[in-house]
N, C-alpha and C. Protein backbone atom coordinates (compact mmCIF):
# COMPACT_ATOMS: atom_id res chain seq x y z
N MET A 1 40.27 103.24 44.72
CA MET A 1 39.99 102.18 45.68
C MET A 1 38.74 102.54 46.50
N ARG A 2 38.63 103.81 46.91
CA ARG A 2 37.54 104.20 47.78
C ARG A 2 36.25 104.13 47.01
N ASP A 3 36.28 104.47 45.69
CA ASP A 3 35.05 104.37 44.83
C ASP A 3 34.60 102.93 44.75
N ALA A 4 35.56 102.01 44.59
CA ALA A 4 35.20 100.57 44.51
C ALA A 4 34.67 100.12 45.83
N TYR A 5 35.15 100.69 46.95
CA TYR A 5 34.67 100.28 48.25
C TYR A 5 33.25 100.73 48.42
N HIS A 6 32.96 101.94 48.00
CA HIS A 6 31.59 102.40 48.27
C HIS A 6 30.58 101.71 47.25
N ASP A 7 31.13 101.40 46.07
CA ASP A 7 30.35 100.65 45.13
C ASP A 7 29.92 99.23 45.72
N GLU A 8 30.87 98.66 46.42
CA GLU A 8 30.62 97.34 47.07
C GLU A 8 29.59 97.50 48.18
N LEU A 9 29.67 98.59 48.95
CA LEU A 9 28.66 98.85 50.01
C LEU A 9 27.31 99.01 49.33
N ASP A 10 27.24 99.68 48.23
CA ASP A 10 25.93 99.86 47.53
C ASP A 10 25.40 98.48 46.93
N ASN A 11 26.33 97.66 46.56
CA ASN A 11 25.97 96.33 46.01
C ASN A 11 25.36 95.45 47.14
N LEU A 12 25.76 95.71 48.38
CA LEU A 12 25.19 94.93 49.44
C LEU A 12 23.66 95.22 49.48
N THR A 13 23.39 96.51 49.35
CA THR A 13 21.88 96.89 49.34
C THR A 13 21.18 96.24 48.23
N VAL A 14 21.76 96.26 47.06
CA VAL A 14 21.12 95.69 45.87
C VAL A 14 20.85 94.18 46.10
N ARG A 15 21.89 93.54 46.70
CA ARG A 15 21.64 92.05 46.93
C ARG A 15 20.53 91.82 47.93
N LEU A 16 20.57 92.66 48.97
CA LEU A 16 19.46 92.48 50.03
C LEU A 16 18.12 92.71 49.50
N VAL A 17 18.00 93.73 48.66
CA VAL A 17 16.68 94.00 48.08
C VAL A 17 16.24 92.84 47.18
N GLU A 18 17.19 92.30 46.42
CA GLU A 18 16.88 91.11 45.56
C GLU A 18 16.44 89.89 46.42
N MET A 19 17.08 89.75 47.57
CA MET A 19 16.63 88.68 48.49
C MET A 19 15.20 88.87 48.90
N THR A 20 14.78 90.16 49.23
CA THR A 20 13.41 90.38 49.60
C THR A 20 12.47 89.97 48.48
N ARG A 21 12.85 90.27 47.26
CA ARG A 21 12.00 89.88 46.14
C ARG A 21 11.89 88.46 46.01
N LEU A 22 12.99 87.67 46.17
CA LEU A 22 12.95 86.20 46.06
C LEU A 22 12.11 85.58 47.17
N VAL A 23 12.27 86.03 48.41
CA VAL A 23 11.55 85.41 49.49
C VAL A 23 10.09 85.77 49.48
N ARG A 24 9.74 86.96 48.94
CA ARG A 24 8.33 87.30 48.71
C ARG A 24 7.65 86.35 47.71
N SER A 25 8.38 86.15 46.55
CA SER A 25 7.84 85.24 45.59
C SER A 25 7.75 83.83 46.17
N ALA A 26 8.70 83.40 46.90
CA ALA A 26 8.67 82.08 47.48
C ALA A 26 7.49 81.89 48.42
N MET A 27 7.20 82.86 49.26
CA MET A 27 6.07 82.75 50.17
C MET A 27 4.79 82.73 49.43
N SER A 28 4.62 83.58 48.40
CA SER A 28 3.44 83.63 47.62
C SER A 28 3.15 82.26 46.90
N ARG A 29 4.19 81.67 46.27
CA ARG A 29 4.03 80.47 45.59
C ARG A 29 3.82 79.25 46.54
N ALA A 30 4.50 79.31 47.68
CA ALA A 30 4.35 78.25 48.72
C ALA A 30 2.94 78.21 49.25
N THR A 31 2.34 79.38 49.41
CA THR A 31 0.94 79.45 49.93
C THR A 31 0.00 78.90 48.87
N THR A 32 0.15 79.26 47.67
CA THR A 32 -0.62 78.67 46.57
C THR A 32 -0.56 77.19 46.47
N ALA A 33 0.67 76.72 46.60
CA ALA A 33 0.94 75.26 46.63
C ALA A 33 0.24 74.59 47.80
N LEU A 34 0.26 75.27 48.87
CA LEU A 34 -0.35 74.74 50.20
C LEU A 34 -1.85 74.62 50.04
N LEU A 35 -2.47 75.66 49.49
CA LEU A 35 -3.89 75.70 49.34
C LEU A 35 -4.46 74.89 48.24
N ASP A 36 -3.67 74.75 47.13
CA ASP A 36 -4.16 74.07 45.91
C ASP A 36 -3.57 72.72 45.78
N ALA A 37 -2.73 72.29 46.68
CA ALA A 37 -2.08 70.94 46.56
C ALA A 37 -1.31 70.93 45.22
N ASP A 38 -0.58 71.99 44.90
CA ASP A 38 0.15 72.02 43.65
C ASP A 38 1.54 71.50 43.81
N LEU A 39 1.79 70.28 43.38
CA LEU A 39 3.08 69.63 43.58
C LEU A 39 4.20 70.37 42.75
N HIS A 40 3.93 70.73 41.53
CA HIS A 40 4.90 71.37 40.70
C HIS A 40 5.34 72.73 41.34
N LEU A 41 4.42 73.45 41.83
CA LEU A 41 4.71 74.75 42.52
C LEU A 41 5.52 74.58 43.76
N SER A 42 5.13 73.60 44.59
CA SER A 42 5.88 73.32 45.82
C SER A 42 7.27 72.90 45.49
N GLU A 43 7.52 72.10 44.47
CA GLU A 43 8.89 71.71 44.11
C GLU A 43 9.68 72.88 43.63
N SER A 44 9.04 73.78 42.93
CA SER A 44 9.79 74.98 42.44
C SER A 44 10.23 75.91 43.59
N VAL A 45 9.38 76.00 44.57
CA VAL A 45 9.81 76.84 45.75
C VAL A 45 10.98 76.13 46.45
N ILE A 46 10.94 74.85 46.62
CA ILE A 46 12.03 74.11 47.28
C ILE A 46 13.31 74.19 46.54
N SER A 47 13.24 74.04 45.21
CA SER A 47 14.49 74.07 44.41
C SER A 47 15.06 75.44 44.31
N GLN A 48 14.24 76.47 44.25
CA GLN A 48 14.68 77.86 44.05
C GLN A 48 15.18 78.50 45.35
N ASP A 49 15.00 77.82 46.48
CA ASP A 49 15.65 78.39 47.72
C ASP A 49 17.12 78.46 47.59
N GLU A 50 17.73 77.67 46.69
CA GLU A 50 19.20 77.76 46.45
C GLU A 50 19.60 79.08 46.01
N GLU A 51 18.71 79.86 45.30
CA GLU A 51 19.09 81.17 44.85
C GLU A 51 19.15 82.13 46.00
N VAL A 52 18.33 82.04 46.98
CA VAL A 52 18.39 82.88 48.18
C VAL A 52 19.67 82.54 48.94
N ASN A 53 19.98 81.22 49.08
CA ASN A 53 21.18 80.84 49.74
C ASN A 53 22.39 81.35 49.06
N ARG A 54 22.42 81.37 47.73
CA ARG A 54 23.51 81.90 46.94
C ARG A 54 23.77 83.38 47.29
N LEU A 55 22.66 84.20 47.24
CA LEU A 55 22.78 85.56 47.51
C LEU A 55 23.27 85.80 48.93
N TYR A 56 22.85 85.00 49.91
CA TYR A 56 23.30 85.16 51.23
C TYR A 56 24.79 84.90 51.32
N ALA A 57 25.27 83.87 50.62
CA ALA A 57 26.64 83.56 50.61
C ALA A 57 27.46 84.71 50.01
N GLU A 58 26.90 85.29 48.96
CA GLU A 58 27.57 86.42 48.30
C GLU A 58 27.74 87.61 49.26
N VAL A 59 26.64 87.91 49.98
CA VAL A 59 26.64 89.03 50.90
C VAL A 59 27.71 88.76 52.05
N GLU A 60 27.65 87.54 52.46
CA GLU A 60 28.59 87.18 53.61
C GLU A 60 30.04 87.26 53.18
N THR A 61 30.37 86.71 51.95
CA THR A 61 31.71 86.76 51.43
C THR A 61 32.17 88.23 51.27
N SER A 62 31.24 89.05 50.66
CA SER A 62 31.55 90.43 50.44
C SER A 62 31.90 91.19 51.73
N ILE A 63 31.05 90.95 52.71
CA ILE A 63 31.28 91.60 54.04
C ILE A 63 32.56 91.20 54.69
N TYR A 64 32.90 89.95 54.64
CA TYR A 64 34.21 89.55 55.24
C TYR A 64 35.33 90.11 54.50
N GLU A 65 35.24 90.21 53.17
CA GLU A 65 36.38 90.84 52.40
C GLU A 65 36.46 92.35 52.76
N LEU A 66 35.27 93.06 52.90
CA LEU A 66 35.29 94.44 53.20
C LEU A 66 35.96 94.69 54.60
N MET A 67 35.55 93.79 55.48
CA MET A 67 36.07 93.92 56.92
C MET A 67 37.61 93.71 56.85
N ALA A 68 38.07 92.76 56.09
CA ALA A 68 39.54 92.39 56.08
C ALA A 68 40.33 93.44 55.39
N THR A 69 39.83 94.01 54.27
CA THR A 69 40.65 94.88 53.38
C THR A 69 40.39 96.40 53.67
N GLN A 70 39.23 96.75 54.06
CA GLN A 70 38.88 98.17 54.20
C GLN A 70 38.79 98.61 55.62
N GLN A 71 38.63 97.66 56.55
CA GLN A 71 38.47 98.04 57.99
C GLN A 71 37.46 99.18 58.22
N PRO A 72 36.26 98.93 57.84
CA PRO A 72 35.28 100.10 57.90
C PRO A 72 35.05 100.51 59.32
N VAL A 73 34.70 101.77 59.46
CA VAL A 73 34.41 102.40 60.79
C VAL A 73 33.18 103.20 60.70
N ALA A 74 32.67 103.65 61.87
CA ALA A 74 31.50 104.50 62.00
C ALA A 74 30.28 103.99 61.16
N VAL A 75 29.76 104.82 60.27
CA VAL A 75 28.49 104.39 59.61
C VAL A 75 28.83 103.22 58.62
N ASP A 76 29.97 103.22 58.06
CA ASP A 76 30.25 102.09 57.18
C ASP A 76 30.33 100.77 57.89
N LEU A 77 30.90 100.81 59.07
CA LEU A 77 30.86 99.59 59.97
C LEU A 77 29.56 99.14 60.27
N ARG A 78 28.70 100.11 60.65
CA ARG A 78 27.29 99.80 60.93
C ARG A 78 26.57 99.28 59.74
N THR A 79 26.89 99.69 58.57
CA THR A 79 26.30 99.21 57.28
C THR A 79 26.64 97.74 57.08
N VAL A 80 27.93 97.35 57.24
CA VAL A 80 28.24 95.92 56.91
C VAL A 80 27.72 95.03 58.07
N ILE A 81 27.74 95.45 59.29
CA ILE A 81 27.20 94.66 60.37
C ILE A 81 25.73 94.36 60.23
N THR A 82 24.98 95.48 59.92
CA THR A 82 23.53 95.27 59.79
C THR A 82 23.21 94.49 58.53
N ALA A 83 23.97 94.67 57.43
CA ALA A 83 23.71 93.91 56.23
C ALA A 83 23.88 92.44 56.45
N LEU A 84 24.86 92.06 57.19
CA LEU A 84 25.00 90.62 57.55
C LEU A 84 23.79 90.07 58.31
N ARG A 85 23.33 90.87 59.31
CA ARG A 85 22.21 90.47 60.13
C ARG A 85 20.94 90.34 59.21
N MET A 86 20.76 91.35 58.39
CA MET A 86 19.59 91.37 57.48
C MET A 86 19.62 90.13 56.55
N ALA A 87 20.79 89.90 55.92
CA ALA A 87 20.90 88.75 55.01
C ALA A 87 20.55 87.47 55.72
N ALA A 88 21.02 87.33 56.96
CA ALA A 88 20.71 86.06 57.70
C ALA A 88 19.20 85.88 57.95
N ASP A 89 18.57 87.08 58.29
CA ASP A 89 17.12 86.96 58.48
C ASP A 89 16.38 86.66 57.17
N LEU A 90 16.80 87.28 56.06
CA LEU A 90 16.11 87.07 54.80
C LEU A 90 16.37 85.57 54.37
N GLU A 91 17.50 85.02 54.56
CA GLU A 91 17.81 83.67 54.25
C GLU A 91 16.91 82.71 55.01
N ARG A 92 16.67 83.06 56.28
CA ARG A 92 15.75 82.30 57.15
C ARG A 92 14.37 82.36 56.55
N MET A 93 13.90 83.51 56.11
CA MET A 93 12.62 83.67 55.52
C MET A 93 12.39 82.81 54.31
N GLY A 94 13.44 82.64 53.53
CA GLY A 94 13.35 81.75 52.38
C GLY A 94 13.18 80.37 52.86
N ASP A 95 13.86 80.00 53.96
CA ASP A 95 13.72 78.62 54.53
C ASP A 95 12.33 78.37 54.98
N LEU A 96 11.68 79.41 55.58
CA LEU A 96 10.39 79.22 56.14
C LEU A 96 9.36 78.99 55.04
N ALA A 97 9.53 79.79 53.95
CA ALA A 97 8.69 79.53 52.71
C ALA A 97 8.85 78.20 52.21
N GLU A 98 10.07 77.71 52.20
CA GLU A 98 10.37 76.35 51.76
C GLU A 98 9.71 75.29 52.66
N HIS A 99 9.68 75.54 53.99
CA HIS A 99 8.99 74.54 54.87
C HIS A 99 7.56 74.47 54.56
N ILE A 100 6.88 75.60 54.24
CA ILE A 100 5.46 75.54 53.89
C ILE A 100 5.28 74.78 52.64
N ALA A 101 6.21 74.95 51.57
CA ALA A 101 6.14 74.19 50.37
C ALA A 101 6.21 72.69 50.69
N LYS A 102 7.08 72.36 51.61
CA LYS A 102 7.27 70.94 51.92
C LYS A 102 6.04 70.33 52.52
N ILE A 103 5.29 71.07 53.34
CA ILE A 103 4.00 70.61 53.83
C ILE A 103 3.09 70.28 52.69
N ALA A 104 3.02 71.19 51.73
CA ALA A 104 2.18 71.02 50.52
C ALA A 104 2.59 69.76 49.77
N ARG A 105 3.87 69.54 49.61
CA ARG A 105 4.36 68.38 48.89
C ARG A 105 4.06 67.14 49.64
N MET A 106 4.20 67.18 50.95
CA MET A 106 3.99 65.98 51.77
C MET A 106 2.49 65.50 51.70
N ARG A 107 1.57 66.45 51.65
CA ARG A 107 0.15 66.10 51.61
C ARG A 107 -0.48 65.94 50.25
N HIS A 108 0.30 66.25 49.22
CA HIS A 108 -0.20 66.00 47.86
C HIS A 108 -0.64 64.63 47.66
N PRO A 109 -1.74 64.30 47.04
CA PRO A 109 -2.58 65.24 46.20
C PRO A 109 -3.65 65.96 46.97
N GLU A 110 -3.68 65.82 48.25
CA GLU A 110 -4.72 66.50 49.05
C GLU A 110 -4.17 67.84 49.49
N SER A 111 -5.09 68.85 49.74
CA SER A 111 -4.63 70.11 50.39
C SER A 111 -4.53 69.90 51.86
N ALA A 112 -3.42 70.46 52.41
CA ALA A 112 -3.19 70.40 53.88
C ALA A 112 -4.16 71.26 54.68
N ILE A 113 -4.86 72.14 53.97
CA ILE A 113 -5.64 73.14 54.66
C ILE A 113 -7.16 72.89 54.53
N PRO A 114 -7.86 72.61 55.59
CA PRO A 114 -9.32 72.39 55.55
C PRO A 114 -10.01 73.62 55.09
N ALA A 115 -11.20 73.52 54.59
CA ALA A 115 -11.92 74.64 53.96
C ALA A 115 -12.10 75.80 54.93
N GLU A 116 -12.40 75.47 56.23
CA GLU A 116 -12.70 76.53 57.21
C GLU A 116 -11.54 77.40 57.56
N LEU A 117 -10.32 76.94 57.17
CA LEU A 117 -9.13 77.68 57.50
C LEU A 117 -8.43 78.31 56.26
N ARG A 118 -8.99 78.13 55.17
CA ARG A 118 -8.37 78.65 53.87
C ARG A 118 -8.32 80.19 53.93
N ASP A 119 -9.44 80.82 54.38
CA ASP A 119 -9.36 82.28 54.32
C ASP A 119 -8.32 82.85 55.24
N THR A 120 -8.14 82.16 56.43
CA THR A 120 -7.11 82.61 57.36
C THR A 120 -5.74 82.44 56.80
N ILE A 121 -5.42 81.42 56.14
CA ILE A 121 -4.11 81.18 55.45
C ILE A 121 -3.91 82.18 54.41
N VAL A 122 -4.94 82.47 53.60
CA VAL A 122 -4.83 83.53 52.59
C VAL A 122 -4.46 84.88 53.23
N GLU A 123 -5.15 85.18 54.32
CA GLU A 123 -4.80 86.47 55.01
C GLU A 123 -3.41 86.47 55.59
N MET A 124 -2.93 85.39 56.08
CA MET A 124 -1.60 85.28 56.68
C MET A 124 -0.59 85.47 55.51
N ASP A 125 -0.85 84.95 54.39
CA ASP A 125 0.01 85.17 53.25
C ASP A 125 0.02 86.61 52.80
N GLN A 126 -1.12 87.23 52.80
CA GLN A 126 -1.25 88.63 52.45
C GLN A 126 -0.44 89.54 53.35
N VAL A 127 -0.56 89.21 54.65
CA VAL A 127 0.23 90.01 55.67
C VAL A 127 1.74 89.79 55.40
N ALA A 128 2.15 88.50 55.23
CA ALA A 128 3.47 88.16 55.01
C ALA A 128 4.07 88.89 53.75
N GLU A 129 3.30 88.97 52.71
CA GLU A 129 3.77 89.57 51.48
C GLU A 129 3.83 91.16 51.70
N ARG A 130 2.90 91.64 52.42
CA ARG A 130 2.90 93.14 52.76
C ARG A 130 4.12 93.46 53.52
N LEU A 131 4.44 92.62 54.54
CA LEU A 131 5.65 92.85 55.35
C LEU A 131 6.91 92.81 54.54
N ILE A 132 7.06 91.83 53.73
CA ILE A 132 8.37 91.71 52.98
C ILE A 132 8.45 92.81 51.86
N THR A 133 7.39 93.20 51.30
CA THR A 133 7.41 94.28 50.34
C THR A 133 7.87 95.59 50.96
N LYS A 134 7.31 95.88 52.17
CA LYS A 134 7.77 97.09 52.92
C LYS A 134 9.15 96.88 53.33
N THR A 135 9.57 95.73 53.68
CA THR A 135 10.94 95.52 54.07
C THR A 135 11.91 95.85 53.01
N GLY A 136 11.62 95.40 51.77
CA GLY A 136 12.44 95.74 50.63
C GLY A 136 12.53 97.25 50.40
N THR A 137 11.44 97.92 50.53
CA THR A 137 11.44 99.33 50.40
C THR A 137 12.20 100.01 51.49
N CYS A 138 12.10 99.51 52.71
CA CYS A 138 12.92 100.06 53.80
C CYS A 138 14.41 99.94 53.55
N ILE A 139 14.80 98.76 53.08
CA ILE A 139 16.23 98.61 52.78
C ILE A 139 16.72 99.49 51.68
N ALA A 140 15.89 99.58 50.64
CA ALA A 140 16.34 100.43 49.45
C ALA A 140 16.33 101.97 49.80
N THR A 141 15.37 102.36 50.61
CA THR A 141 15.27 103.77 50.84
C THR A 141 15.72 104.32 52.23
N ARG A 142 15.99 103.33 53.16
CA ARG A 142 16.33 103.64 54.46
C ARG A 142 15.28 104.47 55.11
N ASP A 143 14.02 104.13 54.94
CA ASP A 143 12.91 104.93 55.41
C ASP A 143 12.55 104.41 56.82
N VAL A 144 12.96 105.23 57.82
CA VAL A 144 12.77 104.87 59.16
C VAL A 144 11.27 104.81 59.59
N GLU A 145 10.47 105.71 59.17
CA GLU A 145 9.02 105.69 59.43
C GLU A 145 8.37 104.52 58.92
N LEU A 146 8.63 104.15 57.67
CA LEU A 146 8.10 102.96 57.09
C LEU A 146 8.56 101.70 57.87
N SER A 147 9.77 101.68 58.25
CA SER A 147 10.25 100.54 59.04
C SER A 147 9.42 100.34 60.33
N LYS A 148 9.03 101.50 60.92
CA LYS A 148 8.26 101.37 62.19
C LYS A 148 6.83 100.80 61.94
N GLU A 149 6.36 100.96 60.69
CA GLU A 149 4.98 100.46 60.37
C GLU A 149 4.93 98.90 60.39
N LEU A 150 6.04 98.24 60.31
CA LEU A 150 6.02 96.79 60.27
C LEU A 150 5.53 96.26 61.56
N GLU A 151 5.69 96.96 62.67
CA GLU A 151 5.30 96.44 63.99
C GLU A 151 3.77 96.15 63.93
N ALA A 152 3.03 97.12 63.38
CA ALA A 152 1.56 96.98 63.28
C ALA A 152 1.15 95.79 62.41
N ASP A 153 1.87 95.64 61.30
CA ASP A 153 1.58 94.52 60.37
C ASP A 153 1.88 93.18 61.13
N ASP A 154 2.95 93.14 61.91
CA ASP A 154 3.31 91.97 62.68
C ASP A 154 2.20 91.66 63.69
N ASP A 155 1.56 92.67 64.27
CA ASP A 155 0.47 92.44 65.22
C ASP A 155 -0.74 91.80 64.49
N ALA A 156 -0.90 92.15 63.19
CA ALA A 156 -2.06 91.53 62.45
C ALA A 156 -1.72 90.03 62.24
N MET A 157 -0.40 89.74 61.98
CA MET A 157 -0.02 88.29 61.78
C MET A 157 -0.27 87.52 63.06
N ASP A 158 0.08 88.09 64.23
CA ASP A 158 -0.15 87.48 65.47
C ASP A 158 -1.60 87.15 65.82
N MET A 159 -2.52 88.12 65.37
CA MET A 159 -3.89 87.89 65.58
C MET A 159 -4.35 86.75 64.75
N LEU A 160 -3.91 86.63 63.49
CA LEU A 160 -4.29 85.53 62.57
C LEU A 160 -3.79 84.20 63.20
N HIS A 161 -2.55 84.20 63.69
CA HIS A 161 -2.05 83.06 64.27
C HIS A 161 -2.88 82.54 65.45
N ARG A 162 -3.39 83.46 66.23
CA ARG A 162 -4.29 83.11 67.39
C ARG A 162 -5.65 82.59 66.81
N ARG A 163 -6.11 83.11 65.70
CA ARG A 163 -7.30 82.64 65.10
C ARG A 163 -7.19 81.17 64.74
N LEU A 164 -6.04 80.79 64.08
CA LEU A 164 -5.74 79.44 63.76
C LEU A 164 -5.96 78.52 64.93
N PHE A 165 -5.36 78.92 66.04
CA PHE A 165 -5.40 78.06 67.19
C PHE A 165 -6.76 77.93 67.81
N ARG A 166 -7.61 78.99 67.69
CA ARG A 166 -8.98 78.86 68.19
C ARG A 166 -9.72 77.78 67.45
N VAL A 167 -9.51 77.70 66.13
CA VAL A 167 -10.08 76.64 65.29
C VAL A 167 -9.61 75.23 65.69
N LEU A 168 -8.29 75.18 65.80
CA LEU A 168 -7.65 73.89 66.14
C LEU A 168 -8.10 73.43 67.48
N LEU A 169 -8.31 74.23 68.42
CA LEU A 169 -8.69 73.89 69.80
C LEU A 169 -10.20 73.76 70.00
N SER A 170 -10.91 74.03 69.00
CA SER A 170 -12.39 73.99 69.14
C SER A 170 -12.91 72.54 69.21
N PRO A 171 -13.89 72.29 69.98
CA PRO A 171 -14.44 70.95 70.08
C PRO A 171 -14.98 70.44 68.70
N LYS A 172 -15.23 71.46 67.78
CA LYS A 172 -15.71 71.09 66.48
C LYS A 172 -14.72 70.60 65.50
N TRP A 173 -13.43 70.64 65.94
CA TRP A 173 -12.33 70.23 65.00
C TRP A 173 -12.48 68.70 64.73
N ASP A 174 -12.61 68.35 63.54
CA ASP A 174 -12.82 66.88 63.18
C ASP A 174 -11.92 66.44 62.07
N HIS A 175 -10.73 67.13 61.89
CA HIS A 175 -9.83 66.73 60.81
C HIS A 175 -8.63 65.92 61.27
N GLY A 176 -8.63 65.58 62.57
CA GLY A 176 -7.58 64.68 63.02
C GLY A 176 -6.34 65.37 63.42
N ILE A 177 -5.45 64.54 64.01
CA ILE A 177 -4.15 64.99 64.60
C ILE A 177 -3.17 65.44 63.47
N GLU A 178 -3.12 64.63 62.45
CA GLU A 178 -2.15 64.94 61.37
C GLU A 178 -2.39 66.27 60.74
N ALA A 179 -3.66 66.64 60.43
CA ALA A 179 -3.95 67.95 59.88
C ALA A 179 -3.67 69.06 60.83
N ALA A 180 -3.94 68.71 62.17
CA ALA A 180 -3.72 69.80 63.22
C ALA A 180 -2.22 70.07 63.28
N ILE A 181 -1.33 69.04 63.15
CA ILE A 181 0.10 69.30 63.22
C ILE A 181 0.56 70.02 61.99
N ASP A 182 0.05 69.77 60.82
CA ASP A 182 0.39 70.47 59.66
C ASP A 182 0.10 72.02 59.77
N ILE A 183 -1.13 72.25 60.25
CA ILE A 183 -1.58 73.64 60.38
C ILE A 183 -0.82 74.37 61.50
N THR A 184 -0.48 73.72 62.58
CA THR A 184 0.25 74.24 63.63
C THR A 184 1.60 74.74 63.16
N LEU A 185 2.26 73.79 62.34
CA LEU A 185 3.57 74.10 61.76
C LEU A 185 3.50 75.27 60.79
N ALA A 186 2.51 75.17 59.89
CA ALA A 186 2.36 76.26 58.89
C ALA A 186 2.10 77.61 59.58
N GLY A 187 1.28 77.66 60.56
CA GLY A 187 1.00 78.85 61.27
C GLY A 187 2.27 79.49 61.93
N ARG A 188 2.98 78.54 62.44
CA ARG A 188 4.31 78.94 63.09
C ARG A 188 5.26 79.50 62.07
N TYR A 189 5.29 78.95 60.86
CA TYR A 189 6.20 79.36 59.80
C TYR A 189 5.81 80.79 59.34
N TYR A 190 4.52 81.05 59.15
CA TYR A 190 4.04 82.38 58.82
C TYR A 190 4.43 83.38 59.84
N GLU A 191 4.21 83.03 61.15
CA GLU A 191 4.45 83.92 62.21
C GLU A 191 5.97 84.27 62.27
N ARG A 192 6.80 83.30 62.16
CA ARG A 192 8.25 83.54 62.19
C ARG A 192 8.77 84.28 60.98
N TYR A 193 8.11 84.08 59.87
CA TYR A 193 8.48 84.90 58.68
C TYR A 193 8.24 86.36 58.91
N ALA A 194 7.11 86.64 59.56
CA ALA A 194 6.79 88.09 59.90
C ALA A 194 7.80 88.61 60.86
N ASP A 195 8.15 87.77 61.90
CA ASP A 195 9.07 88.23 62.94
C ASP A 195 10.46 88.59 62.32
N HIS A 196 10.89 87.78 61.37
CA HIS A 196 12.14 88.12 60.69
C HIS A 196 12.07 89.37 59.88
N ALA A 197 10.92 89.60 59.25
CA ALA A 197 10.78 90.92 58.48
C ALA A 197 10.88 92.06 59.48
N VAL A 198 10.30 91.98 60.65
CA VAL A 198 10.34 93.09 61.61
C VAL A 198 11.77 93.25 62.08
N ARG A 199 12.48 92.15 62.28
CA ARG A 199 13.92 92.27 62.62
C ARG A 199 14.69 93.04 61.71
N VAL A 200 14.50 92.73 60.35
CA VAL A 200 15.21 93.49 59.33
C VAL A 200 14.84 94.98 59.33
N ALA A 201 13.58 95.21 59.54
CA ALA A 201 13.14 96.65 59.61
C ALA A 201 13.83 97.35 60.79
N ARG A 202 13.91 96.65 61.91
CA ARG A 202 14.57 97.26 63.09
C ARG A 202 16.08 97.52 62.82
N ASP A 203 16.72 96.66 62.01
CA ASP A 203 18.03 96.86 61.61
C ASP A 203 18.18 98.12 60.72
N VAL A 204 17.22 98.32 59.86
CA VAL A 204 17.23 99.58 59.09
C VAL A 204 17.17 100.77 59.96
N VAL A 205 16.34 100.83 60.95
CA VAL A 205 16.28 101.90 61.92
C VAL A 205 17.66 102.09 62.61
N TYR A 206 18.20 100.97 63.03
CA TYR A 206 19.55 101.09 63.67
C TYR A 206 20.64 101.62 62.69
N LEU A 207 20.56 101.19 61.46
CA LEU A 207 21.53 101.62 60.47
C LEU A 207 21.47 103.12 60.26
N VAL A 208 20.24 103.65 60.16
CA VAL A 208 20.09 105.04 59.90
C VAL A 208 20.34 105.93 61.21
N THR A 209 19.85 105.50 62.30
CA THR A 209 19.91 106.33 63.48
C THR A 209 21.07 106.00 64.43
N GLY A 210 21.57 104.76 64.37
CA GLY A 210 22.59 104.34 65.26
C GLY A 210 21.99 103.92 66.68
N SER A 211 20.69 103.83 66.69
CA SER A 211 20.01 103.59 68.02
C SER A 211 18.92 102.50 67.71
N ARG A 212 18.74 101.65 68.66
CA ARG A 212 17.71 100.66 68.55
C ARG A 212 16.35 101.16 68.74
N ASP A 213 16.18 102.30 69.43
CA ASP A 213 14.85 102.90 69.63
C ASP A 213 14.51 103.91 68.57
N GLY A 214 15.44 104.04 67.62
CA GLY A 214 15.02 104.99 66.47
C GLY A 214 15.30 106.40 66.65
N GLU A 215 15.88 106.78 67.80
CA GLU A 215 16.21 108.18 68.08
C GLU A 215 17.64 108.45 67.69
N GLU A 216 17.82 109.47 66.83
CA GLU A 216 19.17 109.79 66.42
C GLU A 216 20.00 110.61 67.58
């Protein structure tokens, strides 16, 4: 029974890492759809969010069963609690990628991103993908030092978000209100995606150290 119990704890990690892979792919494809007005790609991101939701439901069900049947304590209790938090953040990241794909779908056949902001959106996607890749590694390896690196990556995302707003608020902006709303929303989705990745990384630190500040 105890072997099966610890196998199920290990399976939680496997599912969480798979969720990071899925939400990374979703963000990458959503960004391409946004920039290239690719309707097929945007539809695929939207439809495949169900796979992220399915994994989240599996994690949630597994945790509730473990809590009810095994009554975990100490490190094991910390593991299941943080796994549930991580899964919720990762599920939300999938939703945010889906929101970006929906902007692309709504503006098809035009791109929602004007030429002068394309490079910034590309950079935001690169930072987002870097964050979620590191997040997956952190979950798999429980690397506290790598987890702490995500704070700096999040700072880079915040800087890019501010850059978007400088362009939107410039007197030279001539793309209208509708485009400004699309870009404001997209920028917010990238920023929130990064924030959720940082939250997952902080949970890894808590899981390993038992402390929110990373000190054992």
